[in-house]
Amino acid sequence: MSEPQAGTVSTVEPQEVEVQPEAGGAGAHEGIHLPPTSVWPITLAFAVTLAASGLVFNWIVSLPGLVLFIWALHGWAQELLDASH
């Protein structure tokens, strides 16, 4: 193969690729398992933001953030425990 000349564009031709299924479990687990949607991650993120903004502005702002943080963490953990049973 020769070196490309200055000012030229190299092209690559597409090739056929055959995908072989995995041995022993072909078709056993089709698709991707995703957890159910939840409001707790965004609630927890808001709580952390509120608590951190209290460090910048006033410690009183941190109090509702900390309460919301504990509530959101408990809610998310409880949701995960309920889903595992």
Protein backbone atom coordinates (compact mmCIF):
# COMPACT_ATOMS: atom_id res chain seq x y z
CA MET A 1 0.00 0.00 0.00
CA SER A 2 1.42 3.36 -0.96
CA GLU A 3 1.63 6.45 1.22
CA PRO A 4 -1.27 8.90 0.77
CA GLN A 5 -0.42 11.98 -1.21
CA ALA A 6 -0.84 15.43 0.31
CA GLY A 7 -4.30 16.81 -0.47
CA THR A 8 -5.91 13.39 -1.07
CA VAL A 9 -8.57 11.64 0.99
CA SER A 10 -8.24 7.98 1.87
CA THR A 11 -11.40 5.87 1.79
CA VAL A 12 -12.22 2.66 3.59
CA GLU A 13 -14.59 0.14 2.10
CA PRO A 14 -17.18 -1.44 4.44
CA GLN A 15 -16.82 -5.14 5.14
CA GLU A 16 -19.39 -7.79 6.00
CA VAL A 17 -19.08 -9.05 9.58
CA GLU A 18 -20.91 -12.14 10.76
CA VAL A 19 -21.80 -12.21 14.44
CA GLN A 20 -21.92 -15.64 16.04
CA PRO A 21 -24.18 -16.18 19.08
CA GLU A 22 -22.47 -17.15 22.32
CA ALA A 23 -22.29 -20.85 22.99
CA GLY A 24 -24.35 -22.26 25.84
CA GLY A 25 -26.79 -19.40 26.25
CA ALA A 26 -27.90 -18.30 22.83
CA GLY A 27 -31.21 -16.51 23.19
CA ALA A 28 -31.55 -17.21 26.91
CA HIS A 29 -31.23 -13.59 27.98
CA GLU A 30 -32.45 -11.39 25.15
CA GLY A 31 -32.58 -7.65 25.66
CA ILE A 32 -31.19 -5.46 28.39
CA HIS A 33 -32.62 -5.41 31.91
CA LEU A 34 -33.13 -1.88 33.17
CA PRO A 35 -34.31 -0.94 36.64
CA PRO A 36 -37.72 0.71 36.94
CA THR A 37 -37.88 4.49 36.79
CA SER A 38 -37.61 6.29 40.10
CA VAL A 39 -37.95 9.81 41.44
CA TRP A 40 -35.40 9.22 44.22
CA PRO A 41 -32.14 9.86 42.29
CA ILE A 42 -33.24 13.35 41.19
CA THR A 43 -34.62 14.05 44.68
CA LEU A 44 -31.31 13.03 46.19
CA ALA A 45 -29.43 15.23 43.73
CA PHE A 46 -31.64 18.20 44.61
CA ALA A 47 -31.08 17.56 48.33
CA VAL A 48 -27.29 17.53 47.88
CA THR A 49 -27.49 20.75 45.85
CA LEU A 50 -29.65 22.41 48.49
CA ALA A 51 -27.35 21.29 51.32
CA ALA A 52 -24.25 22.48 49.43
CA SER A 53 -25.80 25.83 48.59
CA GLY A 54 -26.39 26.29 52.31
CA LEU A 55 -22.64 26.17 52.78
CA VAL A 56 -22.29 29.06 50.36
CA PHE A 57 -25.21 31.26 51.40
CA ASN A 58 -26.46 30.44 54.88
CA TRP A 59 -26.41 27.32 57.06
CA ILE A 60 -30.20 27.55 57.49
CA VAL A 61 -30.58 26.59 53.82
CA SER A 62 -28.62 23.40 54.54
CA LEU A 63 -31.13 22.13 57.10
CA PRO A 64 -33.97 21.38 54.63
CA GLY A 65 -31.34 19.96 52.28
CA LEU A 66 -30.11 17.54 54.93
CA VAL A 67 -33.65 16.51 55.88
CA LEU A 68 -34.51 15.97 52.21
CA PHE A 69 -31.25 14.04 51.75
CA ILE A 70 -32.10 11.60 54.56
CA TRP A 71 -35.67 11.20 53.30
CA ALA A 72 -34.56 10.61 49.68
CA LEU A 73 -31.83 8.17 50.68
CA HIS A 74 -34.30 6.21 52.80
CA GLY A 75 -36.92 6.24 50.02
CA TRP A 76 -34.47 5.02 47.39
CA ALA A 77 -33.10 2.27 49.65
CA GLN A 78 -36.64 1.17 50.56
CA GLU A 79 -37.59 1.07 46.88
CA LEU A 80 -34.60 -1.12 46.08
CA LEU A 81 -35.36 -3.47 48.98
CA ASP A 82 -39.00 -3.78 47.90
CA ALA A 83 -37.97 -4.50 44.30
CA SER A 84 -35.57 -7.28 45.33
CA HIS A 85 -38.32 -9.33 47.01
